[in-house]
Protein backbone atom coordinates (compact mmCIF):
# COMPACT_ATOMS: atom_id res chain seq x y z
CA UNK A 1 0.00 0.00 0.00
CA UNK A 2 1.11 3.57 -0.71
CA UNK A 3 2.09 6.00 2.03
CA UNK A 4 0.53 9.48 1.87
CA UNK A 5 3.05 12.31 2.15
CA UNK A 6 2.82 15.31 4.46
CA UNK A 7 2.51 18.74 2.85
CA UNK A 8 3.89 20.39 6.00
CA UNK A 9 7.66 20.00 6.39
CA UNK A 10 8.67 18.43 9.68
CA UNK A 11 5.19 17.29 10.72
CA UNK A 12 4.39 13.66 9.91
CA UNK A 13 1.92 11.20 11.37
CA UNK A 14 3.09 8.05 13.13
CA UNK A 15 0.40 5.78 11.66
CA UNK A 16 -0.72 7.63 8.54
CA UNK A 17 -1.93 4.47 6.76
CA UNK A 18 -4.37 3.58 9.55
CA UNK A 19 -5.67 7.16 9.75
CA UNK A 20 -6.18 7.27 5.98
CA UNK A 21 -7.97 3.92 5.99
CA UNK A 22 -10.40 5.10 8.69
CA UNK A 23 -10.89 8.58 7.16
CA UNK A 24 -14.33 9.85 6.16
CA UNK A 25 -14.79 10.50 2.45
CA UNK A 26 -15.99 14.00 1.62
CA UNK A 27 -16.22 14.38 -2.15
CA UNK A 28 -12.70 13.73 -3.52
CA UNK A 29 -11.01 14.40 -0.16
CA UNK A 30 -10.65 12.38 3.04
CA UNK A 31 -11.05 13.70 6.58
CA UNK A 32 -9.19 11.63 9.12
CA UNK A 33 -8.83 11.90 12.89
CA UNK A 34 -5.29 13.25 12.43
CA UNK A 35 -5.18 14.74 8.91
CA UNK A 36 -6.98 16.08 5.85
CA UNK A 37 -6.05 14.01 2.78
CA UNK A 38 -5.78 15.60 -0.65
CA UNK A 39 -5.54 13.52 -3.85
CA UNK A 40 -2.47 14.07 -6.02
CA UNK A 41 -2.80 11.98 -9.14
CA UNK A 42 -2.47 8.32 -8.15
CA UNK A 43 -1.19 9.13 -4.65
CA UNK A 44 -2.34 11.16 -1.66
CA UNK A 45 -0.86 14.03 0.30
CA UNK A 46 -2.05 15.22 3.68
CA UNK A 47 -2.20 18.24 5.96
CA UNK A 48 -1.82 17.16 9.60
CA UNK A 49 -4.69 18.53 11.69
CA UNK A 50 -2.30 19.71 14.41
CA UNK A 51 -0.69 22.03 11.82
CA UNK A 52 -4.01 23.67 10.84
CA UNK A 53 -4.33 27.17 12.30
CA UNK A 54 -7.73 27.91 10.77
CA UNK A 55 -10.29 26.55 8.33
CA UNK A 56 -12.51 29.09 6.64
CA UNK A 57 -15.33 29.04 4.14
CA UNK A 58 -14.57 30.62 0.79
CA UNK A 59 -15.84 30.23 -2.74
CA UNK A 60 -14.66 29.99 -6.28
CA UNK A 61 -16.36 31.34 -9.36
CA UNK A 62 -16.46 29.20 -12.46
CA UNK A 63 -16.95 30.95 -15.79
CA UNK A 64 -18.61 28.89 -18.50
CA UNK A 65 -20.36 29.39 -21.79
CA UNK A 66 -19.29 30.83 -25.12
CA UNK A 67 -22.01 33.14 -26.37
CA UNK A 68 -23.49 33.87 -22.99
CA UNK A 69 -21.13 33.86 -20.04
CA UNK A 70 -22.42 32.01 -17.01
CA UNK A 71 -20.83 32.45 -13.60
CA UNK A 72 -21.36 29.75 -11.02
CA UNK A 73 -20.29 30.23 -7.42
CA UNK A 74 -19.22 27.01 -5.73
CA UNK A 75 -18.07 26.41 -2.16
CA UNK A 76 -14.43 26.05 -1.20
CA UNK A 77 -12.50 25.53 2.00
CA UNK A 78 -9.33 27.44 2.84
CA UNK A 79 -7.02 25.63 5.25
CA UNK A 80 -4.37 27.88 6.77
CA UNK A 81 -1.14 26.54 8.31
CA UNK A 82 2.08 28.26 9.34
CA UNK A 83 3.76 26.86 6.19
CA UNK A 84 1.12 27.77 3.58
CA UNK A 85 -2.58 27.84 2.75
CA UNK A 86 -4.53 25.23 0.82
CA UNK A 87 -7.83 25.71 -1.00
CA UNK A 88 -10.06 22.68 -1.41
CA UNK A 89 -12.63 23.07 -4.18
CA UNK A 90 -15.97 21.51 -3.34
CA UNK A 91 -19.22 20.91 -5.18
CA UNK A 92 -21.73 20.88 -2.32
CA UNK A 93 -22.39 23.26 0.55
CA UNK A 94 -22.99 20.24 2.81
CA UNK A 95 -19.38 19.14 2.22
CA UNK A 96 -18.09 22.56 3.25
CA UNK A 97 -20.33 22.49 6.32
CA UNK A 98 -18.95 19.07 7.34
CA UNK A 99 -15.33 20.22 7.05
CA UNK A 100 -16.06 23.37 9.03
CA UNK A 101 -17.91 21.45 11.76
CA UNK A 102 -14.81 19.34 12.36
CA UNK A 103 -11.94 21.74 11.59
CA UNK A 104 -13.15 25.21 12.63
CA UNK A 105 -12.46 26.18 16.24
CA UNK A 106 -15.50 25.92 18.45
CA UNK A 107 -16.52 29.25 19.99
PDB file of N, CA and C in Angstrom:
ATOM      1  N   UNK A   1       0.842  -1.185   0.000  1.00  0.00           N
ATOM      2  CA  UNK A   1       0.000   0.000   0.000  1.00  0.00           C
ATOM      3  C   UNK A   1       0.884   1.246   0.000  1.00  0.00           C
ATOM      4  N   UNK A   2       0.411   2.292  -0.634  1.00  0.00           N
ATOM      5  CA  UNK A   2       1.115   3.567  -0.712  1.00  0.00           C
ATOM      6  C   UNK A   2       1.177   4.226   0.670  1.00  0.00           C
ATOM      7  N   UNK A   3       2.033   5.215   0.802  1.00  0.00           N
ATOM      8  CA  UNK A   3       2.095   6.005   2.027  1.00  0.00           C
ATOM      9  C   UNK A   3       1.853   7.461   1.666  1.00  0.00           C
ATOM     10  N   UNK A   4       0.757   8.059   2.134  1.00  0.00           N
ATOM     11  CA  UNK A   4       0.527   9.477   1.871  1.00  0.00           C
ATOM     12  C   UNK A   4       1.677  10.322   2.419  1.00  0.00           C
ATOM     13  N   UNK A   5       1.951  11.447   1.759  1.00  0.00           N
ATOM     14  CA  UNK A   5       3.052  12.313   2.152  1.00  0.00           C
ATOM     15  C   UNK A   5       2.526  13.609   2.751  1.00  0.00           C
ATOM     16  N   UNK A   6       3.206  14.076   3.792  1.00  0.00           N
ATOM     17  CA  UNK A   6       2.822  15.312   4.463  1.00  0.00           C
ATOM     18  C   UNK A   6       3.172  16.521   3.596  1.00  0.00           C
ATOM     19  N   UNK A   7       2.269  17.490   3.558  1.00  0.00           N
ATOM     20  CA  UNK A   7       2.510  18.742   2.848  1.00  0.00           C
ATOM     21  C   UNK A   7       3.153  19.792   3.757  1.00  0.00           C
ATOM     22  N   UNK A   8       3.299  19.465   5.037  1.00  0.00           N
ATOM     23  CA  UNK A   8       3.886  20.386   6.002  1.00  0.00           C
ATOM     24  C   UNK A   8       5.252  19.832   6.422  1.00  0.00           C
ATOM     25  N   UNK A   9       6.326  20.495   6.050  1.00  0.00           N
ATOM     26  CA  UNK A   9       7.660  20.002   6.389  1.00  0.00           C
ATOM     27  C   UNK A   9       7.831  19.833   7.901  1.00  0.00           C
ATOM     28  N   UNK A  10       8.373  18.688   8.284  1.00  0.00           N
ATOM     29  CA  UNK A  10       8.671  18.434   9.680  1.00  0.00           C
ATOM     30  C   UNK A  10       7.524  17.905  10.519  1.00  0.00           C
ATOM     31  N   UNK A  11       6.328  17.818   9.963  1.00  0.00           N
ATOM     32  CA  UNK A  11       5.189  17.285  10.718  1.00  0.00           C
ATOM     33  C   UNK A  11       4.639  16.082   9.963  1.00  0.00           C
ATOM     34  N   UNK A  12       4.883  14.897  10.515  1.00  0.00           N
ATOM     35  CA  UNK A  12       4.395  13.661   9.909  1.00  0.00           C
ATOM     36  C   UNK A  12       3.608  12.872  10.950  1.00  0.00           C
ATOM     37  N   UNK A  13       2.720  12.032  10.489  1.00  0.00           N
ATOM     38  CA  UNK A  13       1.921  11.196  11.372  1.00  0.00           C
ATOM     39  C   UNK A  13       2.623   9.866  11.599  1.00  0.00           C
ATOM     40  N   UNK A  14       2.480   9.333  12.797  1.00  0.00           N
ATOM     41  CA  UNK A  14       3.087   8.048  13.131  1.00  0.00           C
ATOM     42  C   UNK A  14       2.442   6.901  12.357  1.00  0.00           C
ATOM     43  N   UNK A  15       1.101   6.872  12.326  1.00  0.00           N
ATOM     44  CA  UNK A  15       0.396   5.781  11.659  1.00  0.00           C
ATOM     45  C   UNK A  15      -0.542   6.344  10.590  1.00  0.00           C
ATOM     46  N   UNK A  16       0.054   6.943   9.576  1.00  0.00           N
ATOM     47  CA  UNK A  16      -0.715   7.627   8.542  1.00  0.00           C
ATOM     48  C   UNK A  16      -1.592   6.651   7.755  1.00  0.00           C
ATOM     49  N   UNK A  17      -1.135   5.434   7.534  1.00  0.00           N
ATOM     50  CA  UNK A  17      -1.926   4.465   6.762  1.00  0.00           C
ATOM     51  C   UNK A  17      -3.230   4.113   7.477  1.00  0.00           C
ATOM     52  N   UNK A  18      -3.165   3.910   8.780  1.00  0.00           N
ATOM     53  CA  UNK A  18      -4.375   3.583   9.545  1.00  0.00           C
ATOM     54  C   UNK A  18      -5.335   4.766   9.578  1.00  0.00           C
ATOM     55  N   UNK A  19      -4.804   5.982   9.739  1.00  0.00           N
ATOM     56  CA  UNK A  19      -5.665   7.161   9.754  1.00  0.00           C
ATOM     57  C   UNK A  19      -6.346   7.346   8.407  1.00  0.00           C
ATOM     58  N   UNK A  20      -5.599   7.140   7.322  1.00  0.00           N
ATOM     59  CA  UNK A  20      -6.178   7.267   5.982  1.00  0.00           C
ATOM     60  C   UNK A  20      -7.271   6.224   5.762  1.00  0.00           C
ATOM     61  N   UNK A  21      -6.998   5.008   6.186  1.00  0.00           N
ATOM     62  CA  UNK A  21      -7.967   3.920   5.987  1.00  0.00           C
ATOM     63  C   UNK A  21      -9.287   4.200   6.720  1.00  0.00           C
ATOM     64  N   UNK A  22      -9.213   4.816   7.893  1.00  0.00           N
ATOM     65  CA  UNK A  22     -10.405   5.105   8.688  1.00  0.00           C
ATOM     66  C   UNK A  22     -11.037   6.451   8.350  1.00  0.00           C
ATOM     67  N   UNK A  23     -10.427   7.221   7.459  1.00  0.00           N
ATOM     68  CA  UNK A  23     -10.891   8.584   7.160  1.00  0.00           C
ATOM     69  C   UNK A  23     -12.255   8.597   6.469  1.00  0.00           C
ATOM     70  N   UNK A  24     -13.013   9.627   6.771  1.00  0.00           N
ATOM     71  CA  UNK A  24     -14.327   9.855   6.160  1.00  0.00           C
ATOM     72  C   UNK A  24     -14.132  10.464   4.775  1.00  0.00           C
ATOM     73  N   UNK A  25     -14.861   9.955   3.802  1.00  0.00           N
ATOM     74  CA  UNK A  25     -14.787  10.503   2.448  1.00  0.00           C
ATOM     75  C   UNK A  25     -15.735  11.690   2.346  1.00  0.00           C
ATOM     76  N   UNK A  26     -15.190  12.809   1.896  1.00  0.00           N
ATOM     77  CA  UNK A  26     -15.989  14.005   1.621  1.00  0.00           C
ATOM     78  C   UNK A  26     -15.602  14.460   0.220  1.00  0.00           C
ATOM     79  N   UNK A  27     -16.479  14.172  -0.726  1.00  0.00           N
ATOM     80  CA  UNK A  27     -16.218  14.383  -2.152  1.00  0.00           C
ATOM     81  C   UNK A  27     -14.909  13.692  -2.520  1.00  0.00           C
ATOM     82  N   UNK A  28     -13.948  14.397  -3.120  1.00  0.00           N
ATOM     83  CA  UNK A  28     -12.701  13.732  -3.524  1.00  0.00           C
ATOM     84  C   UNK A  28     -11.658  13.719  -2.417  1.00  0.00           C
ATOM     85  N   UNK A  29     -11.950  14.305  -1.286  1.00  0.00           N
ATOM     86  CA  UNK A  29     -11.013  14.405  -0.165  1.00  0.00           C
ATOM     87  C   UNK A  29     -11.329  13.362   0.901  1.00  0.00           C
ATOM     88  N   UNK A  30     -10.434  13.251   1.883  1.00  0.00           N
ATOM     89  CA  UNK A  30     -10.653  12.381   3.038  1.00  0.00           C
ATOM     90  C   UNK A  30     -10.366  13.193   4.294  1.00  0.00           C
ATOM     91  N   UNK A  31     -11.208  13.007   5.305  1.00  0.00           N
ATOM     92  CA  UNK A  31     -11.054  13.702   6.579  1.00  0.00           C
ATOM     93  C   UNK A  31     -10.806  12.661   7.651  1.00  0.00           C
ATOM     94  N   UNK A  32      -9.569  12.596   8.099  1.00  0.00           N
ATOM     95  CA  UNK A  32      -9.193  11.631   9.118  1.00  0.00           C
ATOM     96  C   UNK A  32      -9.165  12.261  10.501  1.00  0.00           C
ATOM     97  N   UNK A  33      -8.927  11.430  11.502  1.00  0.00           N
ATOM     98  CA  UNK A  33      -8.826  11.904  12.886  1.00  0.00           C
ATOM     99  C   UNK A  33      -7.612  12.807  13.049  1.00  0.00           C
ATOM    100  N   UNK A  34      -6.549  12.526  12.279  1.00  0.00           N
ATOM    101  CA  UNK A  34      -5.292  13.254  12.430  1.00  0.00           C
ATOM    102  C   UNK A  34      -4.886  14.104  11.233  1.00  0.00           C
ATOM    103  N   UNK A  35      -5.605  14.010  10.099  1.00  0.00           N
ATOM    104  CA  UNK A  35      -5.183  14.741   8.909  1.00  0.00           C
ATOM    105  C   UNK A  35      -6.321  14.925   7.914  1.00  0.00           C
ATOM    106  N   UNK A  36      -6.119  15.887   7.014  1.00  0.00           N
ATOM    107  CA  UNK A  36      -6.978  16.076   5.848  1.00  0.00           C
ATOM    108  C   UNK A  36      -6.174  15.576   4.659  1.00  0.00           C
ATOM    109  N   UNK A  37      -6.746  14.646   3.900  1.00  0.00           N
ATOM    110  CA  UNK A  37      -6.047  14.012   2.782  1.00  0.00           C
ATOM    111  C   UNK A  37      -6.513  14.615   1.467  1.00  0.00           C
ATOM    112  N   UNK A  38      -5.527  14.936   0.619  1.00  0.00           N
ATOM    113  CA  UNK A  38      -5.785  15.601  -0.655  1.00  0.00           C
ATOM    114  C   UNK A  38      -5.225  14.716  -1.773  1.00  0.00           C
ATOM    115  N   UNK A  39      -6.051  14.372  -2.773  1.00  0.00           N
ATOM    116  CA  UNK A  39      -5.542  13.524  -3.848  1.00  0.00           C
ATOM    117  C   UNK A  39      -4.505  14.264  -4.690  1.00  0.00           C
ATOM    118  N   UNK A  40      -3.514  13.520  -5.153  1.00  0.00           N
ATOM    119  CA  UNK A  40      -2.465  14.069  -6.022  1.00  0.00           C
ATOM    120  C   UNK A  40      -2.155  13.016  -7.086  1.00  0.00           C
ATOM    121  N   UNK A  41      -2.969  12.990  -8.105  1.00  0.00           N
ATOM    122  CA  UNK A  41      -2.802  11.978  -9.143  1.00  0.00           C
ATOM    123  C   UNK A  41      -3.158  10.606  -8.596  1.00  0.00           C
ATOM    124  N   UNK A  42      -2.221   9.674  -8.642  1.00  0.00           N
ATOM    125  CA  UNK A  42      -2.470   8.323  -8.146  1.00  0.00           C
ATOM    126  C   UNK A  42      -2.048   8.154  -6.692  1.00  0.00           C
ATOM    127  N   UNK A  43      -1.593   9.207  -6.049  1.00  0.00           N
ATOM    128  CA  UNK A  43      -1.190   9.128  -4.649  1.00  0.00           C
ATOM    129  C   UNK A  43      -1.962  10.160  -3.831  1.00  0.00           C
ATOM    130  N   UNK A  44      -1.666  10.224  -2.558  1.00  0.00           N
ATOM    131  CA  UNK A  44      -2.340  11.157  -1.662  1.00  0.00           C
ATOM    132  C   UNK A  44      -1.309  11.942  -0.863  1.00  0.00           C
ATOM    133  N   UNK A  45      -1.623  13.201  -0.620  1.00  0.00           N
ATOM    134  CA  UNK A  45      -0.862  14.034   0.297  1.00  0.00           C
ATOM    135  C   UNK A  45      -1.776  14.364   1.463  1.00  0.00           C
ATOM    136  N   UNK A  46      -1.201  14.867   2.550  1.00  0.00           N
ATOM    137  CA  UNK A  46      -2.048  15.222   3.679  1.00  0.00           C
ATOM    138  C   UNK A  46      -1.541  16.458   4.405  1.00  0.00           C
ATOM    139  N   UNK A  47      -2.491  17.117   5.073  1.00  0.00           N
ATOM    140  CA  UNK A  47      -2.201  18.239   5.964  1.00  0.00           C
ATOM    141  C   UNK A  47      -2.539  17.748   7.368  1.00  0.00           C
ATOM    142  N   UNK A  48      -1.535  17.618   8.238  1.00  0.00           N
ATOM    143  CA  UNK A  48      -1.817  17.163   9.598  1.00  0.00           C
ATOM    144  C   UNK A  48      -2.739  18.160  10.316  1.00  0.00           C
ATOM    145  N   UNK A  49      -3.729  17.644  11.021  1.00  0.00           N
ATOM    146  CA  UNK A  49      -4.691  18.534  11.694  1.00  0.00           C
ATOM    147  C   UNK A  49      -4.029  19.379  12.758  1.00  0.00           C
ATOM    148  N   UNK A  50      -2.966  18.895  13.384  1.00  0.00           N
ATOM    149  CA  UNK A  50      -2.305  19.706  14.408  1.00  0.00           C
ATOM    150  C   UNK A  50      -1.571  20.903  13.808  1.00  0.00           C
ATOM    151  N   UNK A  51      -1.337  20.914  12.486  1.00  0.00           N
ATOM    152  CA  UNK A  51      -0.687  22.034  11.815  1.00  0.00           C
ATOM    153  C   UNK A  51      -1.691  23.082  11.324  1.00  0.00           C
ATOM    154  N   UNK A  52      -2.984  22.754  11.351  1.00  0.00           N
ATOM    155  CA  UNK A  52      -4.007  23.667  10.840  1.00  0.00           C
ATOM    156  C   UNK A  52      -4.273  24.770  11.863  1.00  0.00           C
ATOM    157  N   UNK A  53      -4.073  26.015  11.436  1.00  0.00           N
ATOM    158  CA  UNK A  53      -4.330  27.174  12.297  1.00  0.00           C
ATOM    159  C   UNK A  53      -5.780  27.648  12.176  1.00  0.00           C
ATOM    160  N   UNK A  54      -6.330  27.555  10.966  1.00  0.00           N
ATOM    161  CA  UNK A  54      -7.733  27.912  10.767  1.00  0.00           C
ATOM    162  C   UNK A  54      -8.264  27.235   9.509  1.00  0.00           C
ATOM    163  N   UNK A  55      -9.574  27.082   9.492  1.00  0.00           N
ATOM    164  CA  UNK A  55     -10.286  26.548   8.329  1.00  0.00           C
ATOM    165  C   UNK A  55     -11.465  27.482   8.096  1.00  0.00           C
ATOM    166  N   UNK A  56     -11.518  28.059   6.914  1.00  0.00           N
ATOM    167  CA  UNK A  56     -12.512  29.090   6.635  1.00  0.00           C
ATOM    168  C   UNK A  56     -13.267  28.793   5.349  1.00  0.00           C
ATOM    169  N   UNK A  57     -14.522  29.175   5.342  1.00  0.00           N
ATOM    170  CA  UNK A  57     -15.333  29.043   4.136  1.00  0.00           C
ATOM    171  C   UNK A  57     -14.881  30.082   3.122  1.00  0.00           C
ATOM    172  N   UNK A  58     -14.834  29.686   1.875  1.00  0.00           N
ATOM    173  CA  UNK A  58     -14.569  30.616   0.792  1.00  0.00           C
ATOM    174  C   UNK A  58     -15.384  30.146  -0.408  1.00  0.00           C
ATOM    175  N   UNK A  59     -15.125  30.670  -1.545  1.00  0.00           N
ATOM    176  CA  UNK A  59     -15.841  30.229  -2.739  1.00  0.00           C
ATOM    177  C   UNK A  59     -14.934  30.409  -3.946  1.00  0.00           C
ATOM    178  N   UNK A  60     -15.322  29.774  -5.001  1.00  0.00           N
ATOM    179  CA  UNK A  60     -14.658  29.985  -6.283  1.00  0.00           C
ATOM    180  C   UNK A  60     -15.753  30.252  -7.301  1.00  0.00           C
ATOM    181  N   UNK A  61     -15.417  31.023  -8.306  1.00  0.00           N
ATOM    182  CA  UNK A  61     -16.358  31.343  -9.359  1.00  0.00           C
ATOM    183  C   UNK A  61     -15.887  30.684 -10.639  1.00  0.00           C
ATOM    184  N   UNK A  62     -16.776  29.905 -11.224  1.00  0.00           N
ATOM    185  CA  UNK A  62     -16.461  29.202 -12.460  1.00  0.00           C
ATOM    186  C   UNK A  62     -17.156  29.928 -13.599  1.00  0.00           C
ATOM    187  N   UNK A  63     -16.388  30.313 -14.605  1.00  0.00           N
ATOM    188  CA  UNK A  63     -16.951  30.949 -15.791  1.00  0.00           C
ATOM    189  C   UNK A  63     -17.146  29.891 -16.860  1.00  0.00           C
ATOM    190  N   UNK A  64     -18.316  29.868 -17.466  1.00  0.00           N
ATOM    191  CA  UNK A  64     -18.609  28.887 -18.502  1.00  0.00           C
ATOM    192  C   UNK A  64     -19.452  29.537 -19.585  1.00  0.00           C
ATOM    193  N   UNK A  65     -19.536  28.895 -20.690  1.00  0.00           N
ATOM    194  CA  UNK A  65     -20.357  29.387 -21.785  1.00  0.00           C
ATOM    195  C   UNK A  65     -19.525  30.139 -22.811  1.00  0.00           C
ATOM    196  N   UNK A  66     -20.006  30.150 -24.055  1.00  0.00           N
ATOM    197  CA  UNK A  66     -19.287  30.833 -25.122  1.00  0.00           C
ATOM    198  C   UNK A  66     -20.026  32.102 -25.527  1.00  0.00           C
ATOM    199  N   UNK A  67     -21.246  31.971 -25.937  1.00  0.00           N
ATOM    200  CA  UNK A  67     -22.007  33.140 -26.373  1.00  0.00           C
ATOM    201  C   UNK A  67     -22.514  33.937 -25.180  1.00  0.00           C
ATOM    202  N   UNK A  68     -22.983  33.223 -24.204  1.00  0.00           N
ATOM    203  CA  UNK A  68     -23.495  33.869 -22.991  1.00  0.00           C
ATOM    204  C   UNK A  68     -22.655  33.355 -21.822  1.00  0.00           C
ATOM    205  N   UNK A  69     -21.965  34.253 -21.155  1.00  0.00           N
ATOM    206  CA  UNK A  69     -21.126  33.857 -20.036  1.00  0.00           C
ATOM    207  C   UNK A  69     -21.991  33.548 -18.825  1.00  0.00           C
ATOM    208  N   UNK A  70     -21.701  32.421 -18.214  1.00  0.00           N
ATOM    209  CA  UNK A  70     -22.416  32.009 -17.013  1.00  0.00           C
ATOM    210  C   UNK A  70     -21.394  31.925 -15.891  1.00  0.00           C
ATOM    211  N   UNK A  71     -21.709  32.531 -14.762  1.00  0.00           N
ATOM    212  CA  UNK A  71     -20.828  32.451 -13.599  1.00  0.00           C
ATOM    213  C   UNK A  71     -21.525  31.639 -12.520  1.00  0.00           C
ATOM    214  N   UNK A  72     -20.819  30.629 -12.055  1.00  0.00           N
ATOM    215  CA  UNK A  72     -21.361  29.751 -11.019  1.00  0.00           C
ATOM    216  C   UNK A  72     -20.453  29.851  -9.810  1.00  0.00           C
ATOM    217  N   UNK A  73     -21.040  30.154  -8.669  1.00  0.00           N
ATOM    218  CA  UNK A  73     -20.289  30.228  -7.417  1.00  0.00           C
ATOM    219  C   UNK A  73     -20.382  28.882  -6.720  1.00  0.00           C
ATOM    220  N   UNK A  74     -19.241  28.289  -6.419  1.00  0.00           N
ATOM    221  CA  UNK A  74     -19.224  27.007  -5.730  1.00  0.00           C
ATOM    222  C   UNK A  74     -18.435  27.135  -4.434  1.00  0.00           C
ATOM    223  N   UNK A  75     -18.760  26.314  -3.447  1.00  0.00           N
ATOM    224  CA  UNK A  75     -18.074  26.414  -2.156  1.00  0.00           C
ATOM    225  C   UNK A  75     -16.629  25.941  -2.234  1.00  0.00           C
ATOM    226  N   UNK A  76     -15.822  26.465  -1.328  1.00  0.00           N
ATOM    227  CA  UNK A  76     -14.429  26.048  -1.199  1.00  0.00           C
ATOM    228  C   UNK A  76     -14.038  26.184   0.261  1.00  0.00           C
ATOM    229  N   UNK A  77     -13.009  25.480   0.645  1.00  0.00           N
ATOM    230  CA  UNK A  77     -12.498  25.527   2.003  1.00  0.00           C
ATOM    231  C   UNK A  77     -11.050  25.976   1.952  1.00  0.00           C
ATOM    232  N   UNK A  78     -10.710  26.990   2.728  1.00  0.00           N
ATOM    233  CA  UNK A  78      -9.330  27.436   2.837  1.00  0.00           C
ATOM    234  C   UNK A  78      -8.771  26.938   4.153  1.00  0.00           C
ATOM    235  N   UNK A  79      -7.713  26.137   4.072  1.00  0.00           N
ATOM    236  CA  UNK A  79      -7.019  25.627   5.250  1.00  0.00           C
ATOM    237  C   UNK A  79      -5.725  26.417   5.384  1.00  0.00           C
ATOM    238  N   UNK A  80      -5.540  27.057   6.535  1.00  0.00           N
ATOM    239  CA  UNK A  80      -4.367  27.885   6.771  1.00  0.00           C
ATOM    240  C   UNK A  80      -3.451  27.194   7.777  1.00  0.00           C
ATOM    241  N   UNK A  81      -2.169  27.072   7.415  1.00  0.00           N
ATOM    242  CA  UNK A  81      -1.144  26.541   8.311  1.00  0.00           C
ATOM    243  C   UNK A  81      -0.032  27.581   8.402  1.00  0.00           C
ATOM    244  N   UNK A  82       0.942  27.351   9.263  1.00  0.00           N
ATOM    245  CA  UNK A  82       2.084  28.257   9.336  1.00  0.00           C
ATOM    246  C   UNK A  82       2.926  28.188   8.064  1.00  0.00           C
ATOM    247  N   UNK A  83       2.943  27.048   7.393  1.00  0.00           N
ATOM    248  CA  UNK A  83       3.761  26.858   6.195  1.00  0.00           C
ATOM    249  C   UNK A  83       3.119  27.488   4.957  1.00  0.00           C
ATOM    250  N   UNK A  84       1.836  27.224   4.742  1.00  0.00           N
ATOM    251  CA  UNK A  84       1.123  27.765   3.579  1.00  0.00           C
ATOM    252  C   UNK A  84      -0.372  27.550   3.734  1.00  0.00           C
ATOM    253  N   UNK A  85      -1.128  28.022   2.758  1.00  0.00           N
ATOM    254  CA  UNK A  85      -2.580  27.840   2.745  1.00  0.00           C
ATOM    255  C   UNK A  85      -2.960  26.895   1.611  1.00  0.00           C
ATOM    256  N   UNK A  86      -4.042  26.171   1.820  1.00  0.00           N
ATOM    257  CA  UNK A  86      -4.532  25.227   0.823  1.00  0.00           C
ATOM    258  C   UNK A  86      -6.007  25.519   0.586  1.00  0.00           C
ATOM    259  N   UNK A  87      -6.416  25.524  -0.688  1.00  0.00           N
ATOM    260  CA  UNK A  87      -7.834  25.713  -1.002  1.00  0.00           C
ATOM    261  C   UNK A  87      -8.376  24.424  -1.589  1.00  0.00           C
ATOM    262  N   UNK A  88      -9.401  23.898  -0.946  1.00  0.00           N
ATOM    263  CA  UNK A  88     -10.060  22.683  -1.411  1.00  0.00           C
ATOM    264  C   UNK A  88     -11.342  23.083  -2.130  1.00  0.00           C
ATOM    265  N   UNK A  89     -11.434  22.772  -3.399  1.00  0.00           N
ATOM    266  CA  UNK A  89     -12.633  23.074  -4.180  1.00  0.00           C
ATOM    267  C   UNK A  89     -13.677  22.002  -3.921  1.00  0.00           C
ATOM    268  N   UNK A  90     -14.883  22.431  -3.649  1.00  0.00           N
ATOM    269  CA  UNK A  90     -15.972  21.510  -3.340  1.00  0.00           C
ATOM    270  C   UNK A  90     -17.137  21.747  -4.283  1.00  0.00           C
ATOM    271  N   UNK A  91     -18.030  20.790  -4.341  1.00  0.00           N
ATOM    272  CA  UNK A  91     -19.223  20.910  -5.179  1.00  0.00           C
ATOM    273  C   UNK A  91     -20.470  21.224  -4.359  1.00  0.00           C
ATOM    274  N   UNK A  92     -20.515  20.764  -3.118  1.00  0.00           N
ATOM    275  CA  UNK A  92     -21.732  20.876  -2.316  1.00  0.00           C
ATOM    276  C   UNK A  92     -21.486  21.679  -1.050  1.00  0.00           C
ATOM    277  N   UNK A  93     -22.467  22.487  -0.693  1.00  0.00           N
ATOM    278  CA  UNK A  93     -22.391  23.256   0.548  1.00  0.00           C
ATOM    279  C   UNK A  93     -22.330  22.330   1.763  1.00  0.00           C
ATOM    280  N   UNK A  94     -23.001  21.200   1.694  1.00  0.00           N
ATOM    281  CA  UNK A  94     -22.988  20.240   2.807  1.00  0.00           C
ATOM    282  C   UNK A  94     -21.572  19.727   3.077  1.00  0.00           C
ATOM    283  N   UNK A  95     -20.768  19.582   2.043  1.00  0.00           N
ATOM    284  CA  UNK A  95     -19.379  19.145   2.220  1.00  0.00           C
ATOM    285  C   UNK A  95     -18.572  20.206   2.957  1.00  0.00           C
ATOM    286  N   UNK A  96     -18.767  21.449   2.562  1.00  0.00           N
ATOM    287  CA  UNK A  96     -18.093  22.558   3.251  1.00  0.00           C
ATOM    288  C   UNK A  96     -18.520  22.609   4.711  1.00  0.00           C
ATOM    289  N   UNK A  97     -19.809  22.465   4.951  1.00  0.00           N
ATOM    290  CA  UNK A  97     -20.326  22.492   6.323  1.00  0.00           C
ATOM    291  C   UNK A  97     -19.719  21.375   7.170  1.00  0.00           C
ATOM    292  N   UNK A  98     -19.536  20.199   6.592  1.00  0.00           N
ATOM    293  CA  UNK A  98     -18.950  19.067   7.336  1.00  0.00           C
ATOM    294  C   UNK A  98     -17.499  19.359   7.710  1.00  0.00           C
ATOM    295  N   UNK A  99     -16.718  19.854   6.752  1.00  0.00           N
ATOM    296  CA  UNK A  99     -15.332  20.219   7.048  1.00  0.00           C
ATOM    297  C   UNK A  99     -15.269  21.266   8.153  1.00  0.00           C
ATOM    298  N   UNK A 100     -16.096  22.294   8.038  1.00  0.00           N
ATOM    299  CA  UNK A 100     -16.065  23.374   9.028  1.00  0.00           C
ATOM    300  C   UNK A 100     -16.492  22.880  10.419  1.00  0.00           C
ATOM    301  N   UNK A 101     -17.444  21.974  10.467  1.00  0.00           N
ATOM    302  CA  UNK A 101     -17.911  21.448  11.760  1.00  0.00           C
ATOM    303  C   UNK A 101     -16.779  20.737  12.492  1.00  0.00           C
ATOM    304  N   UNK A 102     -15.899  20.097  11.739  1.00  0.00           N
ATOM    305  CA  UNK A 102     -14.806  19.340  12.360  1.00  0.00           C
ATOM    306  C   UNK A 102     -13.550  20.188  12.552  1.00  0.00           C
ATOM    307  N   UNK A 103     -13.214  21.042  11.576  1.00  0.00           N
ATOM    308  CA  UNK A 103     -11.936  21.744  11.593  1.00  0.00           C
ATOM    309  C   UNK A 103     -11.967  23.138  12.214  1.00  0.00           C
ATOM    310  N   UNK A 104     -13.097  23.830  12.122  1.00  0.00           N
ATOM    311  CA  UNK A 104     -13.152  25.205  12.635  1.00  0.00           C
ATOM    312  C   UNK A 104     -13.158  25.192  14.161  1.00  0.00           C
ATOM    313  N   UNK A 105     -12.461  26.135  14.778  1.00  0.00           N
ATOM    314  CA  UNK A 105     -12.456  26.183  16.240  1.00  0.00           C
ATOM    315  C   UNK A 105     -13.857  26.454  16.779  1.00  0.00           C
ATOM    316  N   UNK A 106     -14.185  25.752  17.833  1.00  0.00           N
ATOM    317  CA  UNK A 106     -15.501  25.918  18.450  1.00  0.00           C
ATOM    318  C   UNK A 106     -15.487  27.126  19.369  1.00  0.00           C
ATOM    319  N   UNK A 107     -16.472  28.017  19.212  1.00  0.00           N
ATOM    320  CA  UNK A 107     -16.522  29.246  19.992  1.00  0.00           C
ATOM    321  C   UNK A 107     -17.179  28.996  21.255  1.00  0.00           C
TER     322      UNK A 107
END
